[in-house]
C-alpha cells in the first residue's frame, strides 16, 4: 500500500505539470489543482496499512479506491477534451495551392472548384476581374511567409474555416485571409481577402486602361467586340434569330427559351425597322480576355439612338466571341403633338367663339 501511495503521489505531480503546460487557462488551472489533490491522496495512502486492520479501515480503503478511479476517469475526460479542442486542421497547404493556381492564371479552375456558396455570391466574371486587378496591383504570388491565425467554426451551413496569412508578392507583402467551407468531404474556397499596405500606391487609370476592349471601340475593322455586335444585329435584320440563339453560350440559352427569343426579336424588328449601323459606344471593356461588355447606341430605320447592350464570353483569346447576354431598350412612345399652328408674332390670338344666344334668336 505504501508503494501505491508513492505511485499516486507521482501521478498527482505529473497531472499538476500537465495543467501548467495547458494552452487553455481555465482548463490548465483546474488540472493543476486536481493534480495537487491527487498528490495529497497519495500522501494519505501511506497510512492506510495501519488502518486496514479494522472494518472501518477496510471501508475507507474501498472508498479511496473508488474515488481514485473516478478522479482518473475525470482526468481522462479533461485531457481528451483539451486535445480535441486543439485539433485544428492545417489550412496552409490548401491556401497555398489556391494562391499558386491564381498566380498561374488558372482563375477559372479555382472558381469551378470553389464552394457552391461562393459561386452563388460571386459571379465568375467579377472574380476574374478582381483577381486580375489584384495581380496588376501587388504582382505575382511568391510565398507564404507566416501563418498568423487559424479558426474553425460550425454553423447552420456547416463547418467554416479561416486562416490569416502573411503573403509575399513581387510588389508588396500583404495580409491575406482565406476562408474555406467543408463541402462533400473536403475544404473548398469560400472567399479571399487581401489587405494592401498603405505604402502601395493605387490608381484607377491603369485599371481603366487594362479593361479597355479596344483602343477605338468605334473602329469596326480593329475592334473584334464591335465586329461581333454588328454581326449579330445584321443577322437579326436578316431574320436569323434562331441561329443567334444556337451560337450563344449555354448560360444564355438557359436564361431564355429559343421560341421566346425569336418571337421577341421579330417584334423588335417590326417596331424599329431594319438595322443600319452603330452610331456610338458608351462602354466597351474586356475582363480577363474572356468576358466582354459592349454598350452601344444603334440606328434603325424607324428609330435612332436605340440602346443595345451585348455581353460576350469566350474560353480563350483564340476563340470567337459568343453571346452571353443581349438587350435592346425600345424608345418610349412620344405623346401626340398639337397640330394647331401658333399665332404670328405681334398679332393677338383670335377671340373664342361666343356661346351667347343672339337677341333676335327668339324673335318671330
Protein backbone atom coordinates (compact mmCIF):
# COMPACT_ATOMS: atom_id res chain seq x y z
CA UNK A 1 0.00 0.00 0.00
CA UNK A 2 2.96 2.32 0.63
CA UNK A 3 4.12 1.78 -2.95
CA UNK A 4 0.61 2.57 -4.15
CA UNK A 5 0.72 5.80 -2.20
CA UNK A 6 4.05 6.75 -3.76
CA UNK A 7 2.68 5.98 -7.25
CA UNK A 8 -0.41 8.09 -6.72
CA UNK A 9 1.75 10.95 -5.42
CA UNK A 10 3.88 10.83 -8.57
CA UNK A 11 0.71 10.74 -10.71
CA UNK A 12 -0.53 13.85 -8.94
CA UNK A 13 2.73 15.68 -9.61
CA UNK A 14 2.52 14.70 -13.31
CA UNK A 15 -1.06 15.95 -13.60
CA UNK A 16 -0.02 19.23 -11.97
CA UNK A 17 2.70 19.72 -14.59
CA UNK A 18 0.14 18.90 -17.34
CA UNK A 19 -2.08 21.68 -16.02
CA UNK A 20 0.81 24.14 -16.03
CA UNK A 21 1.59 23.33 -19.68
CA UNK A 22 -2.04 23.58 -20.83
CA UNK A 23 -2.82 26.19 -23.52
CA UNK A 24 -6.28 26.81 -22.09
CA UNK A 25 -6.00 28.85 -18.84
CA UNK A 26 -9.24 27.67 -17.22
CA UNK A 27 -8.69 24.01 -18.01
CA UNK A 28 -5.00 24.24 -17.11
CA UNK A 29 -5.60 25.69 -13.65
CA UNK A 30 -8.30 23.08 -12.99
CA UNK A 31 -5.98 20.23 -13.96
CA UNK A 32 -3.20 21.68 -11.77
CA UNK A 33 -5.48 21.82 -8.72
CA UNK A 34 -6.67 18.30 -9.48
CA UNK A 35 -3.06 17.12 -9.52
CA UNK A 36 -2.39 18.67 -6.14
CA UNK A 37 -5.41 16.84 -4.80
CA UNK A 38 -4.15 13.52 -6.15
CA UNK A 39 -0.76 14.17 -4.54
CA UNK A 40 -2.50 14.71 -1.22
CA UNK A 41 -4.40 11.44 -1.72
CA UNK A 42 -1.12 9.66 -2.37
CA UNK A 43 0.35 11.01 0.84
CA UNK A 44 -2.64 9.77 2.79
CA UNK A 45 -2.27 6.28 1.31
CA UNK A 46 0.98 5.83 3.28
CA UNK A 47 -1.03 5.46 6.49
CA UNK A 48 -3.66 3.10 5.04
CA UNK A 49 -1.83 -0.13 6.02
CA UNK A 50 -2.28 0.82 9.64
CA UNK A 51 -5.99 1.49 9.18
CA UNK A 52 -6.74 -1.59 7.06
CA UNK A 53 -6.70 -3.88 10.10
CA UNK A 54 -10.15 -2.70 11.20
CA UNK A 55 -13.55 -2.94 9.47
CA UNK A 56 -13.84 0.82 9.25
CA UNK A 57 -10.39 0.98 7.77
CA UNK A 58 -11.28 -1.50 5.03
CA UNK A 59 -14.35 0.59 4.11
CA UNK A 60 -12.13 3.65 3.98
CA UNK A 61 -9.71 1.88 1.63
CA UNK A 62 -12.55 0.87 -0.69
CA UNK A 63 -13.84 4.45 -0.74
CA UNK A 64 -10.38 5.73 -1.57
CA UNK A 65 -10.02 3.26 -4.45
CA UNK A 66 -13.42 4.20 -5.88
CA UNK A 67 -12.56 7.89 -5.57
CA UNK A 68 -9.23 7.26 -7.26
CA UNK A 69 -10.99 5.57 -10.20
CA UNK A 70 -13.45 8.47 -10.54
CA UNK A 71 -10.64 11.03 -10.42
CA UNK A 72 -8.68 9.11 -13.07
CA UNK A 73 -11.75 8.99 -15.32
CA UNK A 74 -12.27 12.73 -14.86
CA UNK A 75 -8.64 13.40 -15.80
CA UNK A 76 -9.03 11.30 -18.94
CA UNK A 77 -12.13 13.25 -19.99
CA UNK A 78 -10.43 16.62 -19.42
CA UNK A 79 -7.30 15.66 -21.36
CA UNK A 80 -9.38 14.22 -24.23
CA UNK A 81 -11.47 17.39 -24.48
CA UNK A 82 -8.34 19.53 -24.42
CA UNK A 83 -6.63 17.54 -27.16
CA UNK A 84 -9.80 17.52 -29.27
CA UNK A 85 -10.19 21.29 -28.89
CA UNK A 86 -6.63 21.88 -30.09
CA UNK A 87 -7.08 19.61 -33.15
CA UNK A 88 -7.29 22.41 -35.74
CA UNK A 89 -6.72 21.48 -39.41
CA UNK A 90 -3.65 22.81 -41.16
CA UNK A 91 -5.07 25.16 -43.80
CA UNK A 92 -1.70 26.36 -45.08
CA UNK A 93 -1.34 23.75 -47.89
CA UNK A 94 -4.89 24.44 -49.11
CA UNK A 95 -4.42 28.23 -49.08
CA UNK A 96 -1.02 27.92 -50.75
CA UNK A 97 -2.45 25.78 -53.55
CA UNK A 98 -5.20 28.36 -54.18
CA UNK A 99 -2.72 31.25 -54.28
CA UNK A 100 -0.34 29.36 -56.56
CA UNK A 101 -3.13 28.48 -59.02
CA UNK A 102 -4.34 32.08 -59.08
CA UNK A 103 -0.79 33.25 -59.70
CA UNK A 104 -0.51 30.89 -62.67
CA UNK A 105 -3.67 32.36 -64.19
CA UNK A 106 -5.91 29.34 -63.53
CA UNK A 107 -8.72 31.60 -62.31
CA UNK A 108 -11.49 29.60 -63.97
CA UNK A 109 -10.27 26.32 -62.44
CA UNK A 110 -10.13 27.86 -58.95
CA UNK A 111 -13.65 29.22 -59.35
CA UNK A 112 -15.06 25.89 -60.57
CA UNK A 113 -13.51 24.04 -57.60
CA UNK A 114 -14.72 26.60 -55.04
CA UNK A 115 -17.62 26.13 -52.64
CA UNK A 116 -21.15 26.32 -54.11
CA UNK A 117 -21.87 29.08 -51.61
CA UNK A 118 -19.02 31.13 -53.06
CA UNK A 119 -20.32 30.61 -56.60
CA UNK A 120 -23.76 31.79 -55.51
CA UNK A 121 -22.40 35.02 -54.01
CA UNK A 122 -19.73 35.95 -56.59
CA UNK A 123 -20.08 35.89 -60.37
CA UNK A 124 -17.28 34.28 -62.32
CA UNK A 125 -16.59 37.43 -64.34
CA UNK A 126 -16.38 39.56 -61.19
CA UNK A 127 -13.99 37.07 -59.54
CA UNK A 128 -11.77 37.03 -62.63
CA UNK A 129 -11.75 40.83 -62.77
CA UNK A 130 -10.84 41.16 -59.08
CA UNK A 131 -8.01 38.63 -59.24
CA UNK A 132 -6.58 40.18 -62.41
CA UNK A 133 -6.76 43.62 -60.83
CA UNK A 134 -5.05 42.27 -57.69
CA UNK A 135 -2.20 40.82 -59.73
CA UNK A 136 -1.71 44.13 -61.52
CA UNK A 137 -1.54 45.87 -58.13
CA UNK A 138 0.64 43.57 -55.97
CA UNK A 139 2.33 41.42 -58.61
CA UNK A 140 2.81 37.66 -58.78
CA UNK A 141 2.49 35.40 -55.75
CA UNK A 142 5.85 34.37 -54.27
CA UNK A 143 5.37 32.59 -50.94
CA UNK A 144 3.53 32.43 -47.62
CA UNK A 145 5.89 33.87 -45.03
CA UNK A 146 3.83 33.10 -41.91
CA UNK A 147 0.52 31.75 -40.61
CA UNK A 148 -0.94 34.26 -38.16
CA UNK A 149 -4.18 32.63 -37.03
CA UNK A 150 -6.43 29.65 -37.75
CA UNK A 151 -10.09 29.38 -36.80
CA UNK A 152 -12.76 26.72 -37.31
CA UNK A 153 -16.44 27.26 -36.52
CA UNK A 154 -19.61 25.25 -37.04
CA UNK A 155 -22.91 26.86 -38.01
CA UNK A 156 -26.15 26.17 -39.86
CA UNK A 157 -24.30 25.94 -43.18
CA UNK A 158 -21.65 23.52 -41.91
CA UNK A 159 -18.02 23.89 -40.91
CA UNK A 160 -16.27 27.12 -41.85
CA UNK A 161 -12.50 27.56 -41.64
CA UNK A 162 -10.42 30.71 -41.81
CA UNK A 163 -6.68 31.17 -41.96
CA UNK A 164 -4.86 34.51 -41.68
CA UNK A 165 -1.57 34.68 -43.57
CA UNK A 166 1.28 36.99 -44.37
CA UNK A 167 1.94 36.63 -48.10
CA UNK A 168 4.83 37.97 -50.14
CA UNK A 169 4.07 39.19 -53.66
CA UNK A 170 6.56 40.63 -56.13
CA UNK A 171 5.47 44.22 -55.42
CA UNK A 172 4.36 44.09 -51.77
CA UNK A 173 3.85 41.97 -48.65
CA UNK A 174 0.18 41.77 -47.64
CA UNK A 175 -2.10 40.32 -45.00
CA UNK A 176 -4.28 37.71 -46.69
CA UNK A 177 -7.34 35.99 -45.27
CA UNK A 178 -8.57 32.76 -46.90
CA UNK A 179 -11.98 31.36 -45.91
CA UNK A 180 -12.90 27.74 -46.56
CA UNK A 181 -16.12 25.71 -46.49
CA UNK A 182 -16.18 21.98 -45.72
CA UNK A 183 -18.29 20.53 -48.53
CA UNK A 184 -18.56 16.93 -49.76
CA UNK A 185 -15.69 15.69 -47.64
CA UNK A 186 -13.10 18.37 -48.42
CA UNK A 187 -12.32 22.04 -47.80
CA UNK A 188 -13.29 24.39 -50.65
CA UNK A 189 -12.66 28.08 -51.21
CA UNK A 190 -15.31 30.33 -49.67
CA UNK A 191 -13.59 33.70 -50.01
CA UNK A 192 -10.30 35.52 -50.14
CA UNK A 193 -9.39 38.97 -48.88
CA UNK A 194 -6.19 40.96 -49.27
CA UNK A 195 -5.22 43.90 -47.06
CA UNK A 196 -2.99 46.21 -49.09
CA UNK A 197 -0.14 48.01 -47.32
CA UNK A 198 -0.51 51.80 -47.03
CA UNK A 199 2.73 52.48 -48.90
CA UNK A 200 1.37 50.81 -52.04
CA UNK A 201 0.01 53.46 -54.40
CA UNK A 202 -3.13 52.55 -56.32
CA UNK A 203 -4.50 54.45 -59.30
CA UNK A 204 -7.77 53.96 -61.18
CA UNK A 205 -6.22 54.94 -64.51
CA UNK A 206 -4.20 51.71 -65.02
CA UNK A 207 -7.27 49.60 -64.28
CA UNK A 208 -9.40 51.50 -66.79
CA UNK A 209 -6.65 51.11 -69.36
CA UNK A 210 -6.43 47.38 -68.64
CA UNK A 211 -10.14 46.64 -69.17
CA UNK A 212 -10.47 48.61 -72.41
CA UNK A 213 -11.84 46.38 -75.14
CA UNK A 214 -10.15 48.29 -77.97
CA UNK A 215 -8.15 51.44 -78.48
CA UNK A 216 -11.02 52.77 -80.58
CA UNK A 217 -14.26 50.82 -79.98
CA UNK A 218 -15.88 52.56 -82.97
CA UNK A 219 -13.25 51.14 -85.35
CA UNK A 220 -15.07 48.06 -86.60
CA UNK A 221 -12.04 46.84 -88.56
CA UNK A 222 -9.77 46.61 -85.48
CA UNK A 223 -12.25 46.03 -82.64
CA UNK A 224 -13.36 42.39 -82.53
CA UNK A 225 -16.10 43.12 -79.98
CA UNK A 226 -17.59 45.72 -82.34
CA UNK A 227 -17.44 43.19 -85.17
CA UNK A 228 -19.31 40.58 -83.10
CA UNK A 229 -22.04 43.05 -82.09
CA UNK A 230 -22.51 44.33 -85.64
CA UNK A 231 -22.72 40.78 -87.00
CA UNK A 232 -25.47 39.88 -84.50
CA UNK A 233 -27.56 42.92 -85.42
CA UNK A 234 -27.23 42.12 -89.13
CA UNK A 235 -28.33 38.51 -88.50
CA UNK A 236 -31.37 39.78 -86.63
CA UNK A 237 -32.09 42.09 -89.54
CA UNK A 238 -31.99 39.10 -91.91
CA UNK A 239 -34.35 37.06 -89.70
CA UNK A 240 -31.75 34.63 -88.31
CA UNK A 241 -32.59 34.99 -84.62
CA UNK A 242 -32.71 31.20 -84.26
CA UNK A 243 -29.13 30.93 -85.49
CA UNK A 244 -28.01 33.54 -82.96
CA UNK A 245 -29.60 31.51 -80.16
CA UNK A 246 -27.89 28.32 -81.38
CA UNK A 247 -24.47 30.01 -81.43
CA UNK A 248 -24.85 31.62 -77.98
CA UNK A 249 -23.42 30.32 -74.70
CA UNK A 250 -25.18 27.72 -72.57
CA UNK A 251 -25.83 30.39 -69.94
CA UNK A 252 -27.73 32.49 -72.48
CA UNK A 253 -29.76 29.51 -73.67
CA UNK A 254 -30.78 28.64 -70.10
CA UNK A 255 -31.96 32.18 -69.43
CA UNK A 256 -34.42 32.34 -72.32
CA UNK A 257 -36.18 29.77 -74.46
CA UNK A 258 -35.44 29.73 -78.16
CA UNK A 259 -39.03 30.30 -79.34
CA UNK A 260 -39.50 33.22 -76.96
CA UNK A 261 -36.23 34.82 -78.04
CA UNK A 262 -37.11 34.53 -81.74
CA UNK A 263 -40.59 35.98 -81.20
CA UNK A 264 -39.20 38.91 -79.21
CA UNK A 265 -36.69 39.79 -81.94
CA UNK A 266 -39.44 39.70 -84.57
CA UNK A 267 -41.42 42.21 -82.51
CA UNK A 268 -38.36 44.44 -82.12
CA UNK A 269 -37.70 44.36 -85.86
CA UNK A 270 -41.29 45.37 -86.57
CA UNK A 271 -41.11 48.27 -84.11
CA UNK A 272 -37.65 49.59 -85.04
CA UNK A 273 -37.31 48.66 -88.69
CA UNK A 274 -34.17 47.32 -90.35
CA UNK A 275 -30.81 47.82 -88.62
CA UNK A 276 -28.41 50.34 -90.17
CA UNK A 277 -25.32 50.91 -88.00
CA UNK A 278 -23.86 51.52 -84.53
CA UNK A 279 -23.55 55.27 -84.06
CA UNK A 280 -21.91 55.40 -80.60
CA UNK A 281 -20.27 53.19 -77.95
CA UNK A 282 -20.92 54.17 -74.34
CA UNK A 283 -18.96 51.32 -72.71
CA UNK A 284 -16.59 48.68 -74.03
CA UNK A 285 -14.49 46.59 -71.66
CA UNK A 286 -12.91 43.15 -71.60
CA UNK A 287 -12.27 41.31 -68.33
CA UNK A 288 -9.51 38.75 -68.28
CA UNK A 289 -9.63 38.39 -72.06
CA UNK A 290 -12.62 36.04 -71.78
CA UNK A 291 -15.57 38.26 -70.85
CA UNK A 292 -16.69 41.45 -72.58
CA UNK A 293 -19.38 44.10 -72.22
CA UNK A 294 -20.37 46.28 -75.19
CA UNK A 295 -22.93 49.03 -74.56
CA UNK A 296 -23.92 50.89 -77.74
CA UNK A 297 -26.39 53.25 -79.40
CA UNK A 298 -27.68 51.83 -82.67
CA UNK A 299 -29.53 53.36 -85.60
CA UNK A 300 -32.55 51.67 -87.14
CA UNK A 301 -34.85 52.74 -89.96
CA UNK A 302 -37.64 53.90 -87.63
CA UNK A 303 -35.56 54.98 -84.61
CA UNK A 304 -32.10 56.31 -83.87
CA UNK A 305 -30.04 56.19 -80.68
CA UNK A 306 -31.54 52.89 -79.52
CA UNK A 307 -29.55 51.45 -76.62
CA UNK A 308 -28.28 47.96 -77.38
CA UNK A 309 -26.24 46.07 -74.77
CA UNK A 310 -24.17 42.96 -75.53
CA UNK A 311 -22.45 40.52 -73.20
CA UNK A 312 -19.85 38.18 -74.70
CA UNK A 313 -17.81 35.23 -73.46
CA UNK A 314 -15.05 33.01 -74.82
CA UNK A 315 -12.88 30.36 -73.19
CA UNK A 316 -9.62 31.67 -74.67
CA UNK A 317 -8.38 34.60 -76.71
CA UNK A 318 -8.11 32.35 -79.76
CA UNK A 319 -11.84 31.53 -79.83
CA UNK A 320 -14.57 33.79 -81.25
CA UNK A 321 -16.90 35.74 -79.01
CA UNK A 322 -20.19 34.06 -78.06
CA UNK A 323 -23.29 35.90 -76.95
CA UNK A 324 -23.82 35.70 -73.18
CA UNK A 325 -26.48 38.41 -72.78
CA UNK A 326 -28.40 40.72 -75.09
CA UNK A 327 -30.79 43.58 -74.52
CA UNK A 328 -32.48 46.16 -76.75
CA UNK A 329 -34.10 49.11 -74.99
CA UNK A 330 -37.05 50.25 -77.08
CA UNK A 331 -37.60 54.03 -77.14
CA UNK A 332 -40.60 55.38 -75.26
CA UNK A 333 -43.56 56.36 -77.48
CA UNK A 334 -43.95 60.12 -77.89
CA UNK A 335 -47.10 61.96 -76.90
CA UNK A 336 -49.40 63.17 -79.69
CA UNK A 337 -48.34 66.62 -80.86
CA UNK A 338 -50.79 69.60 -81.10
CA UNK A 339 -51.39 70.34 -84.80
CA UNK A 340 -52.80 73.86 -84.18
CA UNK A 341 -50.39 76.44 -85.61
CA UNK A 342 -49.27 79.16 -83.17
CA UNK A 343 -50.28 82.79 -83.93
CA UNK A 344 -47.90 85.02 -85.81
CA UNK A 345 -45.64 87.27 -83.71
CA UNK A 346 -47.21 90.65 -82.85
CA UNK A 347 -50.77 89.57 -83.51
CA UNK A 348 -53.42 88.92 -80.93
CA UNK A 349 -54.85 85.44 -80.76
CA UNK A 350 -58.33 85.10 -82.27
CA UNK A 351 -61.23 85.51 -79.86
CA UNK A 352 -63.01 82.32 -78.95
CA UNK A 353 -66.48 81.87 -80.48
CA UNK A 354 -69.30 83.34 -78.38
CA UNK A 355 -71.74 80.95 -76.84
CA UNK A 356 -74.34 83.70 -76.10
CA UNK A 357 -77.69 83.45 -77.83
CA UNK A 358 -78.36 86.44 -80.21
CA UNK A 359 -81.08 88.88 -79.20
CA UNK A 360 -83.23 88.15 -82.23
CA UNK A 361 -82.81 84.43 -81.84
CA UNK A 362 -86.25 84.18 -80.32
CA UNK A 363 -87.96 86.86 -82.50
CA UNK A 364 -90.62 85.73 -84.82
